[in-house]
Amino acid sequence: MMKSMRYINNKSFTLVEILIGMSIMMIITGMIASLFIGTLNYWKRGYSFNQRQQSTRLVFSRMTDNISSLFVAASRDIHCFGSKDKFYFISASVKSPEGDLAEMGYEYNSAEKKILFSYQEKADFNFDTYDSKDMIAINILSLDFRYMDSSGNWLESWDSRQGGQQQGKAPQAIKVSLGVENNDLPDKKELFETIIELPIRTKYE
């Protein structure tokens, strides 16, 4: 009677093979983690940029609504004036539907990195007092106004007041540039620009 013989393989993994396997697993895990972290950071930067862009669009939209309705009337001493980081003007009231005039102004507060909007419902044409002064944007590194004259030149300041260089006139257009703080790159700023046209008239008598 023949006996069946069985061969049992008692061979197991050596220490070197186990270490190699663990090293491969660590490399693969590290690659997956690196890919995940990179994707997450990319998504965060994209989301942060969209937030900054949306906030800037809201500021530009508000400025456009107000500034595009400004007017100058030399005979009534209604004027506008501004420099690089501020602009004051007379425009249609945002609260009264009856076409009343209101005083408005945009200015940059560099110490607090914010833009302020000044508003007076009943214009007294002196720009000394306002009913309110509200913050409309934060984390702003720069605000720059430029004013287009009738020759198409961009000027750093505008003054339609009595004795001003542009007495009795309003600019053809106003360029607004915003330097926005970038939290992802603290040493750099993102620059956004828009041009506000004054399509009806540039002078009212």
C-alpha atoms as a PDB file:
ATOM      1  CA  MET A   1       0.000   0.000   0.000  1.00  0.00           C
ATOM      2  CA  MET A   2       1.495   3.236  -1.168  1.00  0.00           C
ATOM      3  CA  LYS A   3       1.449   6.168   1.100  1.00  0.00           C
ATOM      4  CA  SER A   4       0.634   9.542  -0.382  1.00  0.00           C
ATOM      5  CA  MET A   5       3.196  12.125   0.304  1.00  0.00           C
ATOM      6  CA  ARG A   6       2.455  15.783   0.846  1.00  0.00           C
ATOM      7  CA  TYR A   7       4.932  18.564   0.495  1.00  0.00           C
ATOM      8  CA  ILE A   8       4.329  21.419   2.836  1.00  0.00           C
ATOM      9  CA  ASN A   9       5.929  24.726   1.944  1.00  0.00           C
ATOM     10  CA  ASN A  10       6.978  26.306   5.182  1.00  0.00           C
ATOM     11  CA  LYS A  11       8.628  29.242   3.447  1.00  0.00           C
ATOM     12  CA  SER A  12       7.558  32.661   4.901  1.00  0.00           C
ATOM     13  CA  PHE A  13       8.398  36.314   4.159  1.00  0.00           C
ATOM     14  CA  THR A  14      11.837  37.396   5.192  1.00  0.00           C
ATOM     15  CA  LEU A  15      12.483  40.568   7.139  1.00  0.00           C
ATOM     16  CA  VAL A  16      13.929  42.223   4.039  1.00  0.00           C
ATOM     17  CA  GLU A  17      10.798  41.445   1.999  1.00  0.00           C
ATOM     18  CA  ILE A  18       8.559  42.839   4.733  1.00  0.00           C
ATOM     19  CA  LEU A  19      10.617  46.054   4.875  1.00  0.00           C
ATOM     20  CA  ILE A  20      10.478  46.435   1.084  1.00  0.00           C
ATOM     21  CA  GLY A  21       6.709  45.930   1.110  1.00  0.00           C
ATOM     22  CA  MET A  22       6.251  48.489   3.853  1.00  0.00           C
ATOM     23  CA  SER A  23       8.446  50.971   1.990  1.00  0.00           C
ATOM     24  CA  ILE A  24       6.369  50.591  -1.160  1.00  0.00           C
ATOM     25  CA  MET A  25       3.154  51.084   0.788  1.00  0.00           C
ATOM     26  CA  MET A  26       4.569  54.214   2.447  1.00  0.00           C
ATOM     27  CA  ILE A  27       5.592  55.646  -0.919  1.00  0.00           C
ATOM     28  CA  ILE A  28       2.156  54.996  -2.402  1.00  0.00           C
ATOM     29  CA  THR A  29       0.424  56.445   0.668  1.00  0.00           C
ATOM     30  CA  GLY A  30       2.650  59.524   0.532  1.00  0.00           C
ATOM     31  CA  MET A  31       1.876  60.061  -3.148  1.00  0.00           C
ATOM     32  CA  ILE A  32      -1.857  59.806  -2.527  1.00  0.00           C
ATOM     33  CA  ALA A  33      -1.666  62.187   0.463  1.00  0.00           C
ATOM     34  CA  SER A  34       0.424  64.682  -1.516  1.00  0.00           C
ATOM     35  CA  LEU A  35      -2.059  64.583  -4.392  1.00  0.00           C
ATOM     36  CA  PHE A  36      -4.982  65.095  -2.014  1.00  0.00           C
ATOM     37  CA  ILE A  37      -3.319  68.006  -0.202  1.00  0.00           C
ATOM     38  CA  GLY A  38      -2.351  69.648  -3.501  1.00  0.00           C
ATOM     39  CA  THR A  39      -5.889  69.331  -4.829  1.00  0.00           C
ATOM     40  CA  LEU A  40      -7.322  70.711  -1.590  1.00  0.00           C
ATOM     41  CA  ASN A  41      -4.971  73.721  -1.626  1.00  0.00           C
ATOM     42  CA  TYR A  42      -5.782  74.397  -5.269  1.00  0.00           C
ATOM     43  CA  TRP A  43      -9.510  74.332  -4.466  1.00  0.00           C
ATOM     44  CA  LYS A  44      -8.998  76.675  -1.502  1.00  0.00           C
ATOM     45  CA  ARG A  45      -7.060  79.174  -3.638  1.00  0.00           C
ATOM     46  CA  GLY A  46      -9.736  79.038  -6.336  1.00  0.00           C
ATOM     47  CA  TYR A  47     -12.515  79.549  -3.794  1.00  0.00           C
ATOM     48  CA  SER A  48     -10.635  82.433  -2.149  1.00  0.00           C
ATOM     49  CA  PHE A  49     -10.087  84.116  -5.524  1.00  0.00           C
ATOM     50  CA  ASN A  50     -13.773  83.779  -6.415  1.00  0.00           C
ATOM     51  CA  GLN A  51     -14.717  85.371  -3.092  1.00  0.00           C
ATOM     52  CA  ARG A  52     -12.385  88.319  -3.683  1.00  0.00           C
ATOM     53  CA  GLN A  53     -13.614  88.713  -7.238  1.00  0.00           C
ATOM     54  CA  GLN A  54     -17.260  88.649  -6.186  1.00  0.00           C
ATOM     55  CA  SER A  55     -16.658  91.216  -3.427  1.00  0.00           C
ATOM     56  CA  THR A  56     -14.845  93.489  -5.871  1.00  0.00           C
ATOM     57  CA  ARG A  57     -17.679  93.222  -8.379  1.00  0.00           C
ATOM     58  CA  LEU A  58     -20.160  94.331  -5.727  1.00  0.00           C
ATOM     59  CA  VAL A  59     -18.014  97.387  -4.903  1.00  0.00           C
ATOM     60  CA  PHE A  60     -17.653  98.275  -8.589  1.00  0.00           C
ATOM     61  CA  SER A  61     -21.387  97.820  -9.161  1.00  0.00           C
ATOM     62  CA  ARG A  62     -22.219 100.188  -6.315  1.00  0.00           C
ATOM     63  CA  MET A  63     -19.717 102.781  -7.495  1.00  0.00           C
ATOM     64  CA  THR A  64     -20.997 102.560 -11.059  1.00  0.00           C
ATOM     65  CA  ASP A  65     -24.622 103.055 -10.010  1.00  0.00           C
ATOM     66  CA  ASN A  66     -23.754 106.186  -8.015  1.00  0.00           C
ATOM     67  CA  ILE A  67     -21.007 107.795 -10.079  1.00  0.00           C
ATOM     68  CA  SER A  68     -22.609 107.256 -13.498  1.00  0.00           C
ATOM     69  CA  SER A  69     -25.492 109.487 -12.342  1.00  0.00           C
ATOM     70  CA  LEU A  70     -23.337 112.373 -11.146  1.00  0.00           C
ATOM     71  CA  PHE A  71     -23.709 115.788 -12.705  1.00  0.00           C
ATOM     72  CA  VAL A  72     -22.178 119.231 -12.555  1.00  0.00           C
ATOM     73  CA  ALA A  73     -24.031 122.535 -12.792  1.00  0.00           C
ATOM     74  CA  ALA A  74     -21.783 125.572 -12.527  1.00  0.00           C
ATOM     75  CA  SER A  75     -24.723 127.940 -12.249  1.00  0.00           C
ATOM     76  CA  ARG A  76     -25.957 126.090  -9.149  1.00  0.00           C
ATOM     77  CA  ASP A  77     -22.522 125.430  -7.671  1.00  0.00           C
ATOM     78  CA  ILE A  78     -23.030 121.702  -8.060  1.00  0.00           C
ATOM     79  CA  HIS A  79     -19.658 120.092  -8.552  1.00  0.00           C
ATOM     80  CA  CYS A  80     -17.423 117.078  -8.100  1.00  0.00           C
ATOM     81  CA  PHE A  81     -13.817 116.769  -7.032  1.00  0.00           C
ATOM     82  CA  GLY A  82     -11.362 114.047  -6.232  1.00  0.00           C
ATOM     83  CA  SER A  83      -7.796 112.832  -6.087  1.00  0.00           C
ATOM     84  CA  LYS A  84      -6.088 109.468  -6.278  1.00  0.00           C
ATOM     85  CA  ASP A  85      -7.805 107.782  -3.329  1.00  0.00           C
ATOM     86  CA  LYS A  86     -11.023 109.795  -2.870  1.00  0.00           C
ATOM     87  CA  PHE A  87     -13.869 111.191  -4.936  1.00  0.00           C
ATOM     88  CA  TYR A  88     -16.842 113.359  -3.902  1.00  0.00           C
ATOM     89  CA  PHE A  89     -19.817 114.243  -6.057  1.00  0.00           C
ATOM     90  CA  ILE A  90     -23.514 115.117  -6.329  1.00  0.00           C
ATOM     91  CA  SER A  91     -25.823 112.420  -7.646  1.00  0.00           C
ATOM     92  CA  ALA A  92     -29.433 111.324  -7.594  1.00  0.00           C
ATOM     93  CA  SER A  93     -30.668 110.217  -4.196  1.00  0.00           C
ATOM     94  CA  VAL A  94     -30.662 106.465  -3.675  1.00  0.00           C
ATOM     95  CA  LYS A  95     -33.535 106.726  -1.189  1.00  0.00           C
ATOM     96  CA  SER A  96     -35.871 109.306  -2.681  1.00  0.00           C
ATOM     97  CA  PRO A  97     -37.788 108.419  -5.880  1.00  0.00           C
ATOM     98  CA  GLU A  98     -38.511 112.083  -6.561  1.00  0.00           C
ATOM     99  CA  GLY A  99     -35.131 112.941  -8.037  1.00  0.00           C
ATOM    100  CA  ASP A 100     -33.692 114.729  -5.007  1.00  0.00           C
ATOM    101  CA  LEU A 101     -29.962 115.415  -4.938  1.00  0.00           C
ATOM    102  CA  ALA A 102     -27.609 113.743  -2.493  1.00  0.00           C
ATOM    103  CA  GLU A 103     -23.947 114.172  -1.587  1.00  0.00           C
ATOM    104  CA  MET A 104     -21.781 111.107  -1.908  1.00  0.00           C
ATOM    105  CA  GLY A 105     -18.156 110.242  -1.572  1.00  0.00           C
ATOM    106  CA  TYR A 106     -15.774 107.289  -1.755  1.00  0.00           C
ATOM    107  CA  GLU A 107     -12.474 107.351   0.114  1.00  0.00           C
ATOM    108  CA  TYR A 108      -9.721 104.945   1.104  1.00  0.00           C
ATOM    109  CA  ASN A 109      -8.628 104.418   4.704  1.00  0.00           C
ATOM    110  CA  SER A 110      -5.085 103.069   4.357  1.00  0.00           C
ATOM    111  CA  ALA A 111      -4.604 102.496   8.111  1.00  0.00           C
ATOM    112  CA  GLU A 112      -7.541 100.081   8.265  1.00  0.00           C
ATOM    113  CA  LYS A 113      -7.347  98.846   4.642  1.00  0.00           C
ATOM    114  CA  LYS A 114     -10.956  99.657   3.867  1.00  0.00           C
ATOM    115  CA  ILE A 115     -13.130 101.767   1.580  1.00  0.00           C
ATOM    116  CA  LEU A 116     -15.665 104.164   3.087  1.00  0.00           C
ATOM    117  CA  PHE A 117     -18.828 105.456   1.456  1.00  0.00           C
ATOM    118  CA  SER A 118     -20.137 108.810   2.713  1.00  0.00           C
ATOM    119  CA  TYR A 119     -23.746 109.771   2.102  1.00  0.00           C
ATOM    120  CA  GLN A 120     -25.988 112.769   2.809  1.00  0.00           C
ATOM    121  CA  GLU A 121     -29.585 112.510   1.706  1.00  0.00           C
ATOM    122  CA  LYS A 122     -30.235 116.251   1.357  1.00  0.00           C
ATOM    123  CA  ALA A 123     -27.320 117.849  -0.442  1.00  0.00           C
ATOM    124  CA  ASP A 124     -26.066 121.127   1.005  1.00  0.00           C
ATOM    125  CA  PHE A 125     -23.224 121.254  -1.540  1.00  0.00           C
ATOM    126  CA  ASN A 126     -20.397 121.806   0.943  1.00  0.00           C
ATOM    127  CA  PHE A 127     -19.279 118.167   1.516  1.00  0.00           C
ATOM    128  CA  ASP A 128     -18.458 118.921   5.151  1.00  0.00           C
ATOM    129  CA  THR A 129     -21.044 116.726   6.861  1.00  0.00           C
ATOM    130  CA  TYR A 130     -22.724 113.431   6.048  1.00  0.00           C
ATOM    131  CA  ASP A 131     -25.630 111.453   7.402  1.00  0.00           C
ATOM    132  CA  SER A 132     -23.576 108.278   7.337  1.00  0.00           C
ATOM    133  CA  LYS A 133     -20.123 106.940   6.560  1.00  0.00           C
ATOM    134  CA  ASP A 134     -20.141 103.192   5.988  1.00  0.00           C
ATOM    135  CA  MET A 135     -17.457 100.623   5.313  1.00  0.00           C
ATOM    136  CA  ILE A 136     -18.126  98.871   1.982  1.00  0.00           C
ATOM    137  CA  ALA A 137     -14.916  96.878   1.486  1.00  0.00           C
ATOM    138  CA  ILE A 138     -12.119  95.467   3.644  1.00  0.00           C
ATOM    139  CA  ASN A 139      -8.660  94.010   2.998  1.00  0.00           C
ATOM    140  CA  ILE A 140      -8.044  96.679   0.371  1.00  0.00           C
ATOM    141  CA  LEU A 141      -4.404  97.608  -0.241  1.00  0.00           C
ATOM    142  CA  SER A 142      -5.019 100.471  -2.651  1.00  0.00           C
ATOM    143  CA  LEU A 143      -7.765 102.554  -4.260  1.00  0.00           C
ATOM    144  CA  ASP A 144      -6.921 104.593  -7.327  1.00  0.00           C
ATOM    145  CA  PHE A 145      -9.196 106.991  -9.223  1.00  0.00           C
ATOM    146  CA  ARG A 146      -8.284 108.372 -12.655  1.00  0.00           C
ATOM    147  CA  TYR A 147     -10.324 111.003 -14.490  1.00  0.00           C
ATOM    148  CA  MET A 148     -10.633 111.327 -18.274  1.00  0.00           C
ATOM    149  CA  ASP A 149     -10.790 114.830 -19.751  1.00  0.00           C
ATOM    150  CA  SER A 150     -12.330 115.862 -23.074  1.00  0.00           C
ATOM    151  CA  SER A 151      -9.041 115.124 -24.873  1.00  0.00           C
ATOM    152  CA  GLY A 152      -8.969 111.530 -23.670  1.00  0.00           C
ATOM    153  CA  ASN A 153      -6.184 112.067 -21.141  1.00  0.00           C
ATOM    154  CA  TRP A 154      -6.287 110.331 -17.762  1.00  0.00           C
ATOM    155  CA  LEU A 155      -5.694 112.772 -14.898  1.00  0.00           C
ATOM    156  CA  GLU A 156      -4.774 112.011 -11.275  1.00  0.00           C
ATOM    157  CA  SER A 157      -7.154 114.637  -9.864  1.00  0.00           C
ATOM    158  CA  TRP A 158     -10.333 116.485 -10.791  1.00  0.00           C
ATOM    159  CA  ASP A 159     -11.873 119.681  -9.454  1.00  0.00           C
ATOM    160  CA  SER A 160     -14.985 121.250 -10.984  1.00  0.00           C
ATOM    161  CA  ARG A 161     -15.417 123.739  -8.140  1.00  0.00           C
ATOM    162  CA  GLN A 162     -15.087 127.479  -8.549  1.00  0.00           C
ATOM    163  CA  GLY A 163     -11.450 128.158  -9.337  1.00  0.00           C
ATOM    164  CA  GLY A 164     -10.695 124.478  -9.983  1.00  0.00           C
ATOM    165  CA  GLN A 165      -8.784 123.325 -13.044  1.00  0.00           C
ATOM    166  CA  GLN A 166     -11.929 121.724 -14.471  1.00  0.00           C
ATOM    167  CA  GLN A 167     -14.350 124.370 -13.235  1.00  0.00           C
ATOM    168  CA  GLY A 168     -17.947 123.602 -14.177  1.00  0.00           C
ATOM    169  CA  LYS A 169     -17.091 120.337 -15.925  1.00  0.00           C
ATOM    170  CA  ALA A 170     -17.427 116.655 -15.142  1.00  0.00           C
ATOM    171  CA  PRO A 171     -15.010 114.003 -16.406  1.00  0.00           C
ATOM    172  CA  GLN A 172     -15.809 111.956 -19.502  1.00  0.00           C
ATOM    173  CA  ALA A 173     -15.121 108.761 -17.567  1.00  0.00           C
ATOM    174  CA  ILE A 174     -13.600 107.593 -14.299  1.00  0.00           C
ATOM    175  CA  LYS A 175     -11.251 104.633 -14.000  1.00  0.00           C
ATOM    176  CA  VAL A 176     -11.279 102.827 -10.664  1.00  0.00           C
ATOM    177  CA  SER A 177      -8.506 100.425  -9.645  1.00  0.00           C
ATOM    178  CA  LEU A 178      -8.631  98.264  -6.522  1.00  0.00           C
ATOM    179  CA  GLY A 179      -5.647  96.479  -5.036  1.00  0.00           C
ATOM    180  CA  VAL A 180      -7.047  93.574  -3.028  1.00  0.00           C
ATOM    181  CA  GLU A 181      -5.171  91.676  -0.337  1.00  0.00           C
ATOM    182  CA  ASN A 182      -4.342  88.088  -1.298  1.00  0.00           C
ATOM    183  CA  ASN A 183      -4.324  85.830   1.761  1.00  0.00           C
ATOM    184  CA  ASP A 184      -2.625  83.047  -0.204  1.00  0.00           C
ATOM    185  CA  LEU A 185       0.260  85.337  -1.223  1.00  0.00           C
ATOM    186  CA  PRO A 186       0.554  87.990   1.517  1.00  0.00           C
ATOM    187  CA  ASP A 187       3.418  89.813  -0.225  1.00  0.00           C
ATOM    188  CA  LYS A 188       1.358  90.391  -3.377  1.00  0.00           C
ATOM    189  CA  LYS A 189      -1.919  92.097  -4.244  1.00  0.00           C
ATOM    190  CA  GLU A 190      -4.488  91.420  -6.924  1.00  0.00           C
ATOM    191  CA  LEU A 191      -5.447  94.377  -9.077  1.00  0.00           C
ATOM    192  CA  PHE A 192      -9.005  94.836 -10.357  1.00  0.00           C
ATOM    193  CA  GLU A 193     -10.083  97.669 -12.672  1.00  0.00           C
ATOM    194  CA  THR A 194     -13.249  99.117 -14.130  1.00  0.00           C
ATOM    195  CA  ILE A 195     -14.123 102.227 -16.143  1.00  0.00           C
ATOM    196  CA  ILE A 196     -17.263 104.171 -15.305  1.00  0.00           C
ATOM    197  CA  GLU A 197     -18.531 106.172 -18.252  1.00  0.00           C
ATOM    198  CA  LEU A 198     -20.706 109.271 -17.936  1.00  0.00           C
ATOM    199  CA  PRO A 199     -22.759 108.790 -21.102  1.00  0.00           C
ATOM    200  CA  ILE A 200     -25.328 111.607 -20.915  1.00  0.00           C
ATOM    201  CA  ARG A 201     -23.441 114.866 -20.466  1.00  0.00           C
ATOM    202  CA  THR A 202     -20.204 116.180 -19.113  1.00  0.00           C
ATOM    203  CA  LYS A 203     -21.502 119.652 -18.265  1.00  0.00           C
ATOM    204  CA  TYR A 204     -24.815 121.023 -17.006  1.00  0.00           C
ATOM    205  CA  GLU A 205     -25.714 124.701 -17.115  1.00  0.00           C
END
